[in-house]
């Protein structure tokens, strides 16, 4: 009599085992590929969200404060300063802006500068007769991974100042780093609207970069 073979005993032949293993590896590889792609998309989405949030917070803070330039609570005291405080814009270039007034709700007017220190967007605060009000280092950090900060200025008629607005420019010839001259404020005094543009760039885990640009159109309330 013939004894039972492997197939009659219900076992697997070597060929069947190899085919099953090959199919398993194909399914596993496909699953890992789908997971990897999903993870990459999720990471990129998270990075983009972080970059956008970073830029939005910085832009919102700057826009809110710059809008209040020219508000001088000291001018409404029983004994106001003489002469009255004035000049909402002290330094205005394509890369650097110093505003004057109580823009932070402290009931005291100071100079506030917004500028790019390397890849860090900073805001400095100091008395207007101090050089610290017109410098960029050691200020509060508003945003990191910033690659570009730009200011564009317009008068009440909507015309750019200077016209044409070819960068670089310093309104009334006043640069940051020193107490500005306020004898001639023809350009700075004509500004009613400022467009701020911030570009943020952040590396991704895959070795690329995520870039996000945000612009804000700010009308001065107290010009």
N, C-alpha and C. Protein backbone atom coordinates (compact mmCIF):
# COMPACT_ATOMS: atom_id res chain seq x y z
N UNK A 1 0.84 -1.20 0.00
CA UNK A 1 0.00 0.00 0.00
C UNK A 1 0.87 1.26 0.00
N UNK A 2 0.35 2.34 -0.60
CA UNK A 2 1.09 3.60 -0.66
C UNK A 2 0.76 4.45 0.57
N UNK A 3 1.80 4.94 1.21
CA UNK A 3 1.58 5.78 2.40
C UNK A 3 1.08 7.17 2.02
N UNK A 4 0.52 7.89 2.94
CA UNK A 4 0.00 9.24 2.67
C UNK A 4 1.13 10.20 2.35
N UNK A 5 0.91 11.09 1.32
CA UNK A 5 1.93 12.11 1.03
C UNK A 5 1.59 13.39 1.80
N UNK A 6 2.43 14.49 1.58
CA UNK A 6 2.27 15.74 2.36
C UNK A 6 0.92 16.40 2.10
N UNK A 7 0.53 16.37 0.82
CA UNK A 7 -0.72 17.05 0.50
C UNK A 7 -1.91 16.36 1.15
N UNK A 8 -1.83 15.01 1.25
CA UNK A 8 -2.92 14.28 1.89
C UNK A 8 -2.94 14.50 3.39
N UNK A 9 -1.74 14.86 3.96
CA UNK A 9 -1.68 15.11 5.41
C UNK A 9 -2.09 16.55 5.74
N UNK A 10 -2.34 17.40 4.73
CA UNK A 10 -2.78 18.77 4.99
C UNK A 10 -1.64 19.75 5.23
N UNK A 11 -0.39 19.42 4.95
CA UNK A 11 0.73 20.31 5.16
C UNK A 11 1.01 21.18 3.94
N UNK A 12 2.05 22.02 4.00
CA UNK A 12 2.45 22.90 2.91
C UNK A 12 3.75 22.40 2.32
N UNK A 13 3.82 22.48 1.02
CA UNK A 13 5.09 22.15 0.37
C UNK A 13 6.02 23.35 0.48
N UNK A 14 7.28 23.17 0.21
CA UNK A 14 8.26 24.26 0.26
C UNK A 14 7.88 25.36 -0.72
N UNK A 15 7.40 24.99 -1.88
CA UNK A 15 7.00 25.98 -2.88
C UNK A 15 5.85 26.83 -2.39
N UNK A 16 4.86 26.17 -1.78
CA UNK A 16 3.72 26.91 -1.25
C UNK A 16 4.14 27.87 -0.14
N UNK A 17 5.06 27.43 0.72
CA UNK A 17 5.55 28.28 1.79
C UNK A 17 6.26 29.50 1.23
N UNK A 18 7.08 29.31 0.18
CA UNK A 18 7.80 30.44 -0.43
C UNK A 18 6.84 31.42 -1.08
N UNK A 19 5.82 30.89 -1.74
CA UNK A 19 4.83 31.77 -2.36
C UNK A 19 4.09 32.59 -1.31
N UNK A 20 3.71 31.92 -0.21
CA UNK A 20 3.01 32.63 0.88
C UNK A 20 3.90 33.71 1.48
N UNK A 21 5.18 33.39 1.68
CA UNK A 21 6.11 34.37 2.24
C UNK A 21 6.28 35.55 1.30
N UNK A 22 6.36 35.26 0.00
CA UNK A 22 6.51 36.34 -0.99
C UNK A 22 5.29 37.25 -0.98
N UNK A 23 4.10 36.66 -0.91
CA UNK A 23 2.87 37.47 -0.86
C UNK A 23 2.83 38.32 0.41
N UNK A 24 3.25 37.73 1.51
CA UNK A 24 3.27 38.47 2.78
C UNK A 24 4.20 39.67 2.69
N UNK A 25 5.38 39.48 2.08
CA UNK A 25 6.34 40.57 1.96
C UNK A 25 5.80 41.67 1.06
N UNK A 26 5.08 41.30 0.00
CA UNK A 26 4.49 42.30 -0.88
C UNK A 26 3.47 43.15 -0.12
N UNK A 27 2.60 42.48 0.64
CA UNK A 27 1.58 43.19 1.42
C UNK A 27 2.24 44.08 2.48
N UNK A 28 3.29 43.55 3.16
CA UNK A 28 3.97 44.32 4.19
C UNK A 28 4.65 45.54 3.60
N UNK A 29 5.32 45.38 2.46
CA UNK A 29 6.00 46.50 1.81
C UNK A 29 5.00 47.58 1.40
N UNK A 30 3.87 47.15 0.85
CA UNK A 30 2.85 48.11 0.44
C UNK A 30 2.30 48.87 1.65
N UNK A 31 2.08 48.14 2.76
CA UNK A 31 1.55 48.78 3.96
C UNK A 31 2.54 49.80 4.51
N UNK A 32 3.83 49.43 4.55
CA UNK A 32 4.85 50.35 5.04
C UNK A 32 4.97 51.58 4.15
N UNK A 33 4.83 51.38 2.85
CA UNK A 33 4.90 52.51 1.92
C UNK A 33 3.75 53.49 2.16
N UNK A 34 2.54 52.93 2.34
CA UNK A 34 1.38 53.78 2.61
C UNK A 34 1.56 54.53 3.92
N UNK A 35 2.06 53.85 4.94
CA UNK A 35 2.29 54.49 6.24
C UNK A 35 3.32 55.60 6.13
N UNK A 36 4.41 55.31 5.39
CA UNK A 36 5.47 56.30 5.24
C UNK A 36 4.96 57.55 4.54
N UNK A 37 4.18 57.36 3.47
CA UNK A 37 3.63 58.50 2.75
C UNK A 37 2.66 59.29 3.62
N UNK A 38 1.83 58.58 4.38
CA UNK A 38 0.87 59.25 5.27
C UNK A 38 1.61 60.05 6.34
N UNK A 39 2.67 59.46 6.88
CA UNK A 39 3.45 60.14 7.91
C UNK A 39 4.13 61.38 7.35
N UNK A 40 4.64 61.28 6.13
CA UNK A 40 5.30 62.42 5.50
C UNK A 40 4.31 63.56 5.27
N UNK A 41 3.12 63.22 4.77
CA UNK A 41 2.09 64.23 4.54
C UNK A 41 1.68 64.89 5.85
N UNK A 42 1.53 64.08 6.90
CA UNK A 42 1.14 64.61 8.21
C UNK A 42 2.21 65.56 8.75
N UNK A 43 3.48 65.15 8.63
CA UNK A 43 4.58 65.97 9.15
C UNK A 43 4.66 67.30 8.41
N UNK A 44 4.52 67.24 7.07
CA UNK A 44 4.55 68.47 6.30
C UNK A 44 3.40 69.38 6.68
N UNK A 45 2.23 68.79 6.89
CA UNK A 45 1.06 69.58 7.28
C UNK A 45 1.28 70.24 8.63
N UNK A 46 1.86 69.48 9.58
CA UNK A 46 2.14 70.04 10.90
C UNK A 46 3.15 71.17 10.81
N UNK A 47 4.20 70.98 10.01
CA UNK A 47 5.22 72.01 9.86
C UNK A 47 4.62 73.27 9.25
N UNK A 48 3.79 73.08 8.22
CA UNK A 48 3.15 74.22 7.58
C UNK A 48 2.27 74.97 8.57
N UNK A 49 1.54 74.24 9.40
CA UNK A 49 0.69 74.87 10.40
C UNK A 49 1.52 75.68 11.38
N UNK A 50 2.65 75.12 11.84
CA UNK A 50 3.52 75.84 12.78
C UNK A 50 4.06 77.11 12.15
N UNK A 51 4.51 77.03 10.90
CA UNK A 51 5.06 78.19 10.22
C UNK A 51 4.00 79.27 10.06
N UNK A 52 2.82 78.90 9.64
CA UNK A 52 1.75 79.86 9.45
C UNK A 52 1.35 80.51 10.77
N UNK A 53 1.24 79.72 11.82
CA UNK A 53 0.87 80.26 13.12
C UNK A 53 1.92 81.23 13.63
N UNK A 54 3.19 80.87 13.45
CA UNK A 54 4.29 81.72 13.86
C UNK A 54 4.21 83.08 13.16
N UNK A 55 3.99 83.05 11.87
CA UNK A 55 3.92 84.29 11.09
C UNK A 55 2.68 85.11 11.46
N UNK A 56 1.55 84.44 11.65
CA UNK A 56 0.31 85.15 11.98
C UNK A 56 0.41 85.88 13.32
N UNK A 57 0.96 85.21 14.32
CA UNK A 57 1.08 85.83 15.63
C UNK A 57 1.98 87.05 15.59
N UNK A 58 3.11 86.93 14.90
CA UNK A 58 4.03 88.06 14.78
C UNK A 58 3.38 89.21 14.02
N UNK A 59 2.73 88.89 12.92
CA UNK A 59 2.09 89.93 12.12
C UNK A 59 0.97 90.61 12.89
N UNK A 60 0.16 89.83 13.59
CA UNK A 60 -0.93 90.42 14.36
C UNK A 60 -0.43 91.36 15.43
N UNK A 61 0.65 90.98 16.12
CA UNK A 61 1.23 91.83 17.16
C UNK A 61 1.76 93.14 16.57
N UNK A 62 2.50 93.04 15.48
CA UNK A 62 3.04 94.25 14.85
C UNK A 62 1.93 95.16 14.34
N UNK A 63 0.98 94.59 13.62
CA UNK A 63 -0.08 95.40 13.03
C UNK A 63 -0.88 96.14 14.11
N UNK A 64 -1.20 95.44 15.18
CA UNK A 64 -1.99 96.06 16.25
C UNK A 64 -1.24 97.23 16.88
N UNK A 65 0.05 97.06 17.12
CA UNK A 65 0.82 98.12 17.76
C UNK A 65 1.12 99.28 16.82
N UNK A 66 1.52 98.97 15.60
CA UNK A 66 1.84 100.03 14.64
C UNK A 66 0.60 100.88 14.36
N UNK A 67 -0.56 100.27 14.36
CA UNK A 67 -1.80 101.01 14.12
C UNK A 67 -2.01 102.10 15.18
N UNK A 68 -1.48 101.89 16.38
CA UNK A 68 -1.67 102.85 17.48
C UNK A 68 -0.58 103.92 17.53
N UNK A 69 0.35 103.91 16.60
CA UNK A 69 1.39 104.93 16.57
C UNK A 69 0.77 106.33 16.52
N UNK A 70 1.34 107.24 17.30
CA UNK A 70 0.81 108.59 17.33
C UNK A 70 -0.20 108.83 18.44
N UNK A 71 -0.48 107.81 19.24
CA UNK A 71 -1.35 108.01 20.41
C UNK A 71 -0.47 108.36 21.60
N UNK A 72 -0.58 109.62 22.08
CA UNK A 72 0.26 110.12 23.16
C UNK A 72 -0.60 110.51 24.35
N UNK A 73 -0.78 109.62 25.34
CA UNK A 73 -1.65 109.95 26.48
C UNK A 73 -1.13 111.12 27.29
N UNK A 74 0.16 111.40 27.25
CA UNK A 74 0.73 112.53 28.01
C UNK A 74 0.17 113.87 27.54
N UNK A 75 -0.24 113.94 26.27
CA UNK A 75 -0.79 115.19 25.74
C UNK A 75 -2.13 115.56 26.36
N UNK A 76 -2.78 114.60 27.06
CA UNK A 76 -4.10 114.84 27.64
C UNK A 76 -4.05 115.01 29.16
N UNK A 77 -2.85 115.09 29.72
CA UNK A 77 -2.71 115.31 31.15
C UNK A 77 -3.07 116.75 31.50
N UNK A 78 -3.33 116.96 32.79
CA UNK A 78 -3.62 118.33 33.23
C UNK A 78 -2.45 119.25 32.94
N UNK A 79 -1.24 118.71 33.06
CA UNK A 79 -0.05 119.47 32.71
C UNK A 79 0.66 118.72 31.58
N UNK A 80 0.28 118.97 30.36
CA UNK A 80 0.86 118.24 29.23
C UNK A 80 2.28 118.71 28.95
N UNK A 81 3.05 117.91 28.24
CA UNK A 81 4.41 118.32 27.90
C UNK A 81 4.39 119.50 26.93
N UNK A 82 5.45 120.28 26.95
CA UNK A 82 5.56 121.41 26.05
C UNK A 82 6.93 121.35 25.36
N UNK A 83 6.95 121.17 24.06
CA UNK A 83 5.80 121.06 23.15
C UNK A 83 5.11 119.71 23.29
N UNK A 84 3.91 119.61 22.76
CA UNK A 84 3.19 118.35 22.80
C UNK A 84 3.94 117.27 22.02
N UNK A 85 3.79 116.03 22.46
CA UNK A 85 4.42 114.92 21.75
C UNK A 85 3.79 114.78 20.36
N UNK A 86 4.62 114.44 19.40
CA UNK A 86 4.14 114.32 18.03
C UNK A 86 5.01 113.30 17.29
N UNK A 87 4.91 113.26 15.97
CA UNK A 87 5.73 112.39 15.11
C UNK A 87 5.52 110.92 15.41
N UNK A 88 4.47 110.31 14.86
CA UNK A 88 4.21 108.88 15.10
C UNK A 88 5.27 107.96 14.50
N UNK A 89 5.94 108.39 13.42
CA UNK A 89 6.99 107.58 12.80
C UNK A 89 8.33 108.29 12.98
N UNK A 90 9.27 107.60 13.60
CA UNK A 90 10.58 108.21 13.87
C UNK A 90 11.64 107.74 12.87
N UNK A 91 11.67 106.45 12.58
CA UNK A 91 12.56 105.90 11.56
C UNK A 91 11.72 105.00 10.68
N UNK A 92 11.80 105.20 9.37
CA UNK A 92 11.01 104.38 8.44
C UNK A 92 11.86 104.06 7.22
N UNK A 93 12.32 102.81 7.16
CA UNK A 93 13.06 102.34 5.99
C UNK A 93 12.32 101.12 5.43
N UNK A 94 12.86 100.57 4.35
CA UNK A 94 12.21 99.39 3.78
C UNK A 94 12.39 98.16 4.66
N UNK A 95 13.37 98.20 5.60
CA UNK A 95 13.65 97.04 6.44
C UNK A 95 13.47 97.30 7.94
N UNK A 96 13.25 98.54 8.33
CA UNK A 96 13.27 98.91 9.75
C UNK A 96 12.22 99.98 9.99
N UNK A 97 11.48 99.84 11.09
CA UNK A 97 10.44 100.82 11.41
C UNK A 97 10.46 101.11 12.92
N UNK A 98 10.49 102.41 13.25
CA UNK A 98 10.34 102.84 14.64
C UNK A 98 9.12 103.74 14.75
N UNK A 99 8.16 103.32 15.57
CA UNK A 99 6.96 104.12 15.80
C UNK A 99 7.04 104.75 17.19
N UNK A 100 6.23 105.78 17.39
CA UNK A 100 6.27 106.54 18.63
C UNK A 100 4.86 106.64 19.19
N UNK A 101 4.73 106.38 20.48
CA UNK A 101 3.44 106.51 21.14
C UNK A 101 3.24 105.43 22.19
N UNK A 102 2.03 105.38 22.73
CA UNK A 102 1.67 104.34 23.69
C UNK A 102 1.00 103.20 22.91
N UNK A 103 1.82 102.38 22.29
CA UNK A 103 1.27 101.32 21.44
C UNK A 103 1.07 100.01 22.21
N UNK A 104 1.57 99.94 23.45
CA UNK A 104 1.45 98.69 24.22
C UNK A 104 0.51 98.82 25.40
N UNK A 105 -0.25 99.92 25.48
CA UNK A 105 -1.23 100.09 26.55
C UNK A 105 -0.64 100.32 27.92
N UNK A 106 0.58 100.86 27.98
CA UNK A 106 1.25 101.09 29.27
C UNK A 106 1.00 102.49 29.81
N UNK A 107 0.23 103.31 29.09
CA UNK A 107 -0.03 104.70 29.45
C UNK A 107 1.22 105.56 29.43
N UNK A 108 2.21 105.14 28.66
CA UNK A 108 3.44 105.92 28.49
C UNK A 108 3.92 105.78 27.06
N UNK A 109 4.34 106.89 26.47
CA UNK A 109 4.81 106.88 25.09
C UNK A 109 6.29 106.53 25.04
N UNK A 110 6.64 105.64 24.11
CA UNK A 110 8.02 105.23 23.90
C UNK A 110 8.25 105.02 22.42
N UNK A 111 9.50 104.70 22.10
CA UNK A 111 9.82 104.33 20.74
C UNK A 111 9.83 102.81 20.61
N UNK A 112 9.16 102.29 19.61
CA UNK A 112 9.08 100.85 19.38
C UNK A 112 9.61 100.56 17.98
N UNK A 113 10.65 99.73 17.90
CA UNK A 113 11.24 99.38 16.62
C UNK A 113 10.94 97.94 16.26
N UNK A 114 10.72 97.70 14.98
CA UNK A 114 10.44 96.36 14.44
C UNK A 114 11.47 96.10 13.35
N UNK A 115 12.20 95.00 13.50
CA UNK A 115 13.32 94.77 12.60
C UNK A 115 13.70 93.29 12.60
N UNK A 116 14.57 92.95 11.67
CA UNK A 116 15.03 91.57 11.52
C UNK A 116 16.47 91.48 11.99
N UNK A 117 16.70 90.63 12.99
CA UNK A 117 18.03 90.39 13.56
C UNK A 117 18.46 88.98 13.16
N UNK A 118 19.17 88.87 12.03
CA UNK A 118 19.47 87.54 11.50
C UNK A 118 18.19 86.90 10.99
N UNK A 119 17.77 85.83 11.63
CA UNK A 119 16.51 85.18 11.26
C UNK A 119 15.45 85.36 12.35
N UNK A 120 15.65 86.34 13.24
CA UNK A 120 14.73 86.60 14.35
C UNK A 120 14.07 87.96 14.15
N UNK A 121 12.76 87.97 14.17
CA UNK A 121 12.00 89.21 14.11
C UNK A 121 11.87 89.75 15.53
N UNK A 122 12.38 90.96 15.74
CA UNK A 122 12.41 91.54 17.09
C UNK A 122 11.64 92.85 17.17
N UNK A 123 11.26 93.17 18.42
CA UNK A 123 10.67 94.47 18.74
C UNK A 123 11.43 95.05 19.93
N UNK A 124 11.96 96.25 19.77
CA UNK A 124 12.65 96.90 20.88
C UNK A 124 11.79 98.04 21.41
N UNK A 125 11.96 98.36 22.68
CA UNK A 125 11.18 99.41 23.33
C UNK A 125 12.09 100.23 24.22
N UNK A 126 12.08 101.54 24.03
CA UNK A 126 12.91 102.41 24.87
C UNK A 126 12.40 103.84 24.71
N UNK A 127 12.91 104.73 25.58
CA UNK A 127 12.57 106.14 25.45
C UNK A 127 13.12 106.68 24.14
N UNK A 128 12.41 107.64 23.56
CA UNK A 128 12.80 108.13 22.24
C UNK A 128 14.12 108.90 22.25
N UNK A 129 14.60 109.32 23.44
CA UNK A 129 15.89 110.00 23.50
C UNK A 129 17.03 109.03 23.82
N UNK A 130 16.74 107.74 23.71
CA UNK A 130 17.74 106.71 23.94
C UNK A 130 18.00 105.94 22.64
N UNK A 131 19.28 105.67 22.37
CA UNK A 131 19.65 104.96 21.15
C UNK A 131 19.02 103.57 21.11
N UNK A 132 18.74 102.99 22.31
CA UNK A 132 18.15 101.66 22.37
C UNK A 132 16.82 101.55 21.67
N UNK A 133 16.13 102.69 21.48
CA UNK A 133 14.84 102.66 20.79
C UNK A 133 15.01 102.45 19.29
N UNK A 134 16.24 102.58 18.80
CA UNK A 134 16.47 102.55 17.35
C UNK A 134 17.45 101.45 16.95
N UNK A 135 17.57 100.43 17.79
CA UNK A 135 18.43 99.30 17.50
C UNK A 135 17.60 98.03 17.42
N UNK A 136 18.23 96.96 16.93
CA UNK A 136 17.48 95.73 16.69
C UNK A 136 17.83 94.62 17.67
N UNK A 137 19.06 94.60 18.16
CA UNK A 137 19.48 93.51 19.03
C UNK A 137 18.87 93.66 20.42
N UNK A 138 18.76 92.55 21.13
CA UNK A 138 18.27 92.51 22.51
C UNK A 138 16.80 92.88 22.66
N UNK A 139 16.05 92.91 21.56
CA UNK A 139 14.63 93.19 21.66
C UNK A 139 13.83 91.93 21.91
N UNK A 140 12.53 92.11 22.11
CA UNK A 140 11.64 90.97 22.30
C UNK A 140 11.55 90.16 21.00
N UNK A 141 11.51 88.85 21.13
CA UNK A 141 11.38 87.98 19.97
C UNK A 141 9.91 87.85 19.59
N UNK A 142 9.58 88.25 18.37
CA UNK A 142 8.21 88.09 17.87
C UNK A 142 8.06 86.83 17.04
N UNK A 143 9.11 86.47 16.30
CA UNK A 143 9.06 85.28 15.46
C UNK A 143 10.47 84.85 15.11
N UNK A 144 10.63 83.55 14.88
CA UNK A 144 11.92 82.99 14.46
C UNK A 144 11.78 82.39 13.06
N UNK A 145 12.92 82.02 12.47
CA UNK A 145 12.96 81.45 11.12
C UNK A 145 12.41 82.43 10.08
N UNK A 146 12.62 83.73 10.32
CA UNK A 146 12.15 84.75 9.39
C UNK A 146 13.26 85.05 8.38
N UNK A 147 12.94 84.99 7.11
CA UNK A 147 13.94 85.25 6.07
C UNK A 147 13.82 86.64 5.47
N UNK A 148 12.67 87.29 5.66
CA UNK A 148 12.52 88.62 5.06
C UNK A 148 11.45 89.42 5.80
N UNK A 149 11.72 90.71 5.98
CA UNK A 149 10.77 91.65 6.57
C UNK A 149 10.82 92.92 5.74
N UNK A 150 9.66 93.36 5.26
CA UNK A 150 9.61 94.54 4.39
C UNK A 150 8.50 95.48 4.82
N UNK A 151 8.79 96.80 4.70
CA UNK A 151 7.79 97.83 4.96
C UNK A 151 7.64 98.68 3.70
N UNK A 152 6.39 98.93 3.32
CA UNK A 152 6.08 99.82 2.21
C UNK A 152 5.12 100.87 2.72
N UNK A 153 5.37 102.13 2.35
CA UNK A 153 4.63 103.25 2.94
C UNK A 153 3.81 103.99 1.88
N UNK A 154 2.62 104.50 2.33
CA UNK A 154 1.73 105.20 1.42
C UNK A 154 1.17 106.44 2.12
N UNK A 155 0.92 107.50 1.33
CA UNK A 155 0.32 108.71 1.90
C UNK A 155 -1.20 108.63 1.85
N UNK A 156 -1.86 109.71 2.24
CA UNK A 156 -3.33 109.70 2.31
C UNK A 156 -3.97 109.50 0.95
N UNK A 157 -3.28 109.86 -0.11
CA UNK A 157 -3.82 109.69 -1.45
C UNK A 157 -3.55 108.34 -2.06
N UNK A 158 -2.87 107.47 -1.31
CA UNK A 158 -2.58 106.13 -1.81
C UNK A 158 -1.30 106.03 -2.62
N UNK A 159 -0.53 107.11 -2.68
CA UNK A 159 0.73 107.08 -3.43
C UNK A 159 1.85 106.56 -2.53
N UNK A 160 2.74 105.74 -3.09
CA UNK A 160 3.85 105.23 -2.28
C UNK A 160 4.83 106.34 -1.91
N UNK A 161 5.45 106.18 -0.75
CA UNK A 161 6.49 107.10 -0.28
C UNK A 161 7.71 106.27 0.07
N UNK A 162 8.84 106.49 -0.59
CA UNK A 162 9.04 107.40 -1.73
C UNK A 162 8.36 106.88 -2.99
N UNK A 163 8.28 107.73 -3.98
CA UNK A 163 7.62 107.37 -5.23
C UNK A 163 8.56 107.60 -6.40
N UNK A 164 9.06 106.53 -7.05
CA UNK A 164 8.70 105.11 -6.88
C UNK A 164 9.36 104.49 -5.65
N UNK A 165 8.76 103.45 -5.09
CA UNK A 165 9.27 102.84 -3.85
C UNK A 165 10.41 101.85 -4.10
N UNK A 166 11.46 102.31 -4.74
CA UNK A 166 12.59 101.42 -5.05
C UNK A 166 13.48 101.28 -3.82
N UNK A 167 13.59 100.05 -3.31
CA UNK A 167 14.44 99.80 -2.14
C UNK A 167 15.91 99.76 -2.58
N UNK A 168 16.84 100.11 -1.67
CA UNK A 168 16.60 100.50 -0.28
C UNK A 168 16.25 101.99 -0.16
N UNK A 169 15.51 102.34 0.89
CA UNK A 169 15.18 103.73 1.13
C UNK A 169 15.05 104.00 2.62
N UNK A 170 15.34 105.25 3.00
CA UNK A 170 15.20 105.72 4.38
C UNK A 170 14.44 107.04 4.30
N UNK A 171 13.22 107.07 4.79
CA UNK A 171 12.42 108.28 4.68
C UNK A 171 13.09 109.42 5.44
N UNK A 172 13.16 110.57 4.79
CA UNK A 172 13.83 111.76 5.32
C UNK A 172 15.30 111.51 5.62
N UNK A 173 15.86 110.46 5.05
CA UNK A 173 17.28 110.18 5.21
C UNK A 173 17.68 109.69 6.58
N UNK A 174 16.73 109.17 7.36
CA UNK A 174 17.02 108.74 8.74
C UNK A 174 17.23 107.23 8.80
N UNK A 175 18.42 106.82 9.25
CA UNK A 175 18.76 105.42 9.39
C UNK A 175 18.55 104.96 10.83
N UNK A 176 18.38 103.65 11.06
CA UNK A 176 18.35 103.13 12.43
C UNK A 176 19.74 103.21 13.06
N UNK A 177 19.78 103.06 14.38
CA UNK A 177 21.05 103.04 15.09
C UNK A 177 21.42 104.35 15.74
N UNK A 178 20.64 105.40 15.51
CA UNK A 178 20.92 106.70 16.11
C UNK A 178 19.61 107.43 16.35
N UNK A 179 19.63 108.38 17.29
CA UNK A 179 18.43 109.18 17.55
C UNK A 179 18.13 110.01 16.30
N UNK A 180 16.95 109.90 15.74
CA UNK A 180 16.67 110.56 14.46
C UNK A 180 16.50 112.07 14.58
N UNK A 181 16.76 112.73 13.49
CA UNK A 181 16.54 114.17 13.38
C UNK A 181 15.08 114.41 13.01
N UNK A 182 14.41 115.28 13.76
CA UNK A 182 12.99 115.54 13.51
C UNK A 182 12.75 116.95 13.00
N UNK A 183 13.80 117.61 12.52
CA UNK A 183 13.62 118.95 11.97
C UNK A 183 12.86 118.91 10.65
N UNK A 184 13.10 117.86 9.86
CA UNK A 184 12.40 117.70 8.59
C UNK A 184 11.73 116.33 8.59
N UNK A 185 10.41 116.32 8.69
CA UNK A 185 9.66 115.05 8.71
C UNK A 185 8.65 115.00 7.56
N UNK A 186 9.01 115.61 6.44
CA UNK A 186 8.07 115.71 5.33
C UNK A 186 7.59 114.34 4.87
N UNK A 187 8.51 113.40 4.69
CA UNK A 187 8.10 112.07 4.23
C UNK A 187 7.44 111.28 5.34
N UNK A 188 8.07 111.23 6.50
CA UNK A 188 7.50 110.45 7.62
C UNK A 188 6.14 111.00 8.03
N UNK A 189 5.99 112.30 8.01
CA UNK A 189 4.73 112.91 8.43
C UNK A 189 3.60 112.70 7.45
N UNK A 190 3.91 112.31 6.21
CA UNK A 190 2.87 112.11 5.20
C UNK A 190 2.31 110.70 5.20
N UNK A 191 2.91 109.80 5.97
CA UNK A 191 2.52 108.39 5.92
C UNK A 191 1.19 108.18 6.64
N UNK A 192 0.28 107.50 5.97
CA UNK A 192 -1.01 107.14 6.59
C UNK A 192 -1.26 105.63 6.54
N UNK A 193 -0.49 104.93 5.74
CA UNK A 193 -0.72 103.49 5.54
C UNK A 193 0.62 102.78 5.38
N UNK A 194 0.74 101.62 6.04
CA UNK A 194 1.98 100.84 5.98
C UNK A 194 1.61 99.40 5.64
N UNK A 195 2.25 98.85 4.62
CA UNK A 195 2.08 97.44 4.28
C UNK A 195 3.30 96.68 4.78
N UNK A 196 3.04 95.67 5.61
CA UNK A 196 4.11 94.86 6.20
C UNK A 196 4.08 93.49 5.53
N UNK A 197 5.26 93.02 5.16
CA UNK A 197 5.37 91.68 4.57
C UNK A 197 6.41 90.88 5.35
N UNK A 198 6.02 89.70 5.80
CA UNK A 198 6.91 88.81 6.54
C UNK A 198 7.00 87.48 5.82
N UNK A 199 8.22 87.00 5.63
CA UNK A 199 8.44 85.68 5.03
C UNK A 199 9.13 84.78 6.05
N UNK A 200 8.53 83.62 6.30
CA UNK A 200 9.07 82.67 7.27
C UNK A 200 9.44 81.38 6.55
N UNK A 201 10.57 80.83 6.89
CA UNK A 201 11.04 79.59 6.26
C UNK A 201 11.49 78.63 7.36
N UNK A 202 11.01 77.40 7.30
CA UNK A 202 11.33 76.43 8.33
C UNK A 202 11.71 75.10 7.70
N UNK A 203 12.78 74.45 8.19
CA UNK A 203 13.18 73.16 7.61
C UNK A 203 12.18 72.06 7.95
N UNK A 204 12.04 71.11 7.04
CA UNK A 204 11.18 69.95 7.27
C UNK A 204 12.05 68.74 7.59
N UNK A 205 11.48 67.73 8.23
CA UNK A 205 12.26 66.53 8.57
C UNK A 205 12.83 65.83 7.34
N UNK A 206 12.28 66.07 6.17
CA UNK A 206 12.75 65.40 4.95
C UNK A 206 13.91 66.15 4.29
N UNK A 207 14.35 67.24 4.91
CA UNK A 207 15.48 67.98 4.38
C UNK A 207 15.09 69.16 3.51
N UNK A 208 13.83 69.36 3.24
CA UNK A 208 13.39 70.50 2.47
C UNK A 208 13.04 71.67 3.37
N UNK A 209 12.36 72.66 2.81
CA UNK A 209 11.93 73.81 3.58
C UNK A 209 10.47 74.12 3.27
N UNK A 210 9.80 74.69 4.25
CA UNK A 210 8.43 75.15 4.09
C UNK A 210 8.45 76.67 4.20
N UNK A 211 7.97 77.34 3.17
CA UNK A 211 7.99 78.80 3.12
C UNK A 211 6.57 79.33 3.22
N UNK A 212 6.39 80.38 4.03
CA UNK A 212 5.08 80.99 4.17
C UNK A 212 5.25 82.50 4.22
N UNK A 213 4.48 83.23 3.44
CA UNK A 213 4.56 84.69 3.40
C UNK A 213 3.21 85.29 3.80
N UNK A 214 3.27 86.32 4.61
CA UNK A 214 2.06 86.97 5.11
C UNK A 214 2.21 88.47 4.97
N UNK A 215 1.15 89.14 4.55
CA UNK A 215 1.17 90.60 4.40
C UNK A 215 0.02 91.20 5.19
N UNK A 216 0.26 92.40 5.73
CA UNK A 216 -0.77 93.10 6.48
C UNK A 216 -0.79 94.56 6.06
N UNK A 217 -1.99 95.09 5.88
CA UNK A 217 -2.20 96.47 5.45
C UNK A 217 -2.68 97.27 6.66
N UNK A 218 -1.83 98.16 7.16
CA UNK A 218 -2.10 98.86 8.42
C UNK A 218 -2.34 100.35 8.14
N UNK A 219 -3.48 100.84 8.58
CA UNK A 219 -3.78 102.28 8.50
C UNK A 219 -3.55 102.91 9.87
N UNK A 220 -2.80 103.97 9.94
CA UNK A 220 -2.51 104.64 11.20
C UNK A 220 -3.76 105.35 11.70
N UNK A 221 -4.10 105.12 12.95
CA UNK A 221 -5.30 105.72 13.52
C UNK A 221 -5.07 107.16 13.97
N UNK A 222 -3.84 107.49 14.27
CA UNK A 222 -3.55 108.77 14.91
C UNK A 222 -2.59 109.63 14.08
N UNK A 223 -2.61 109.41 12.75
CA UNK A 223 -1.70 110.15 11.90
C UNK A 223 -2.14 111.61 11.71
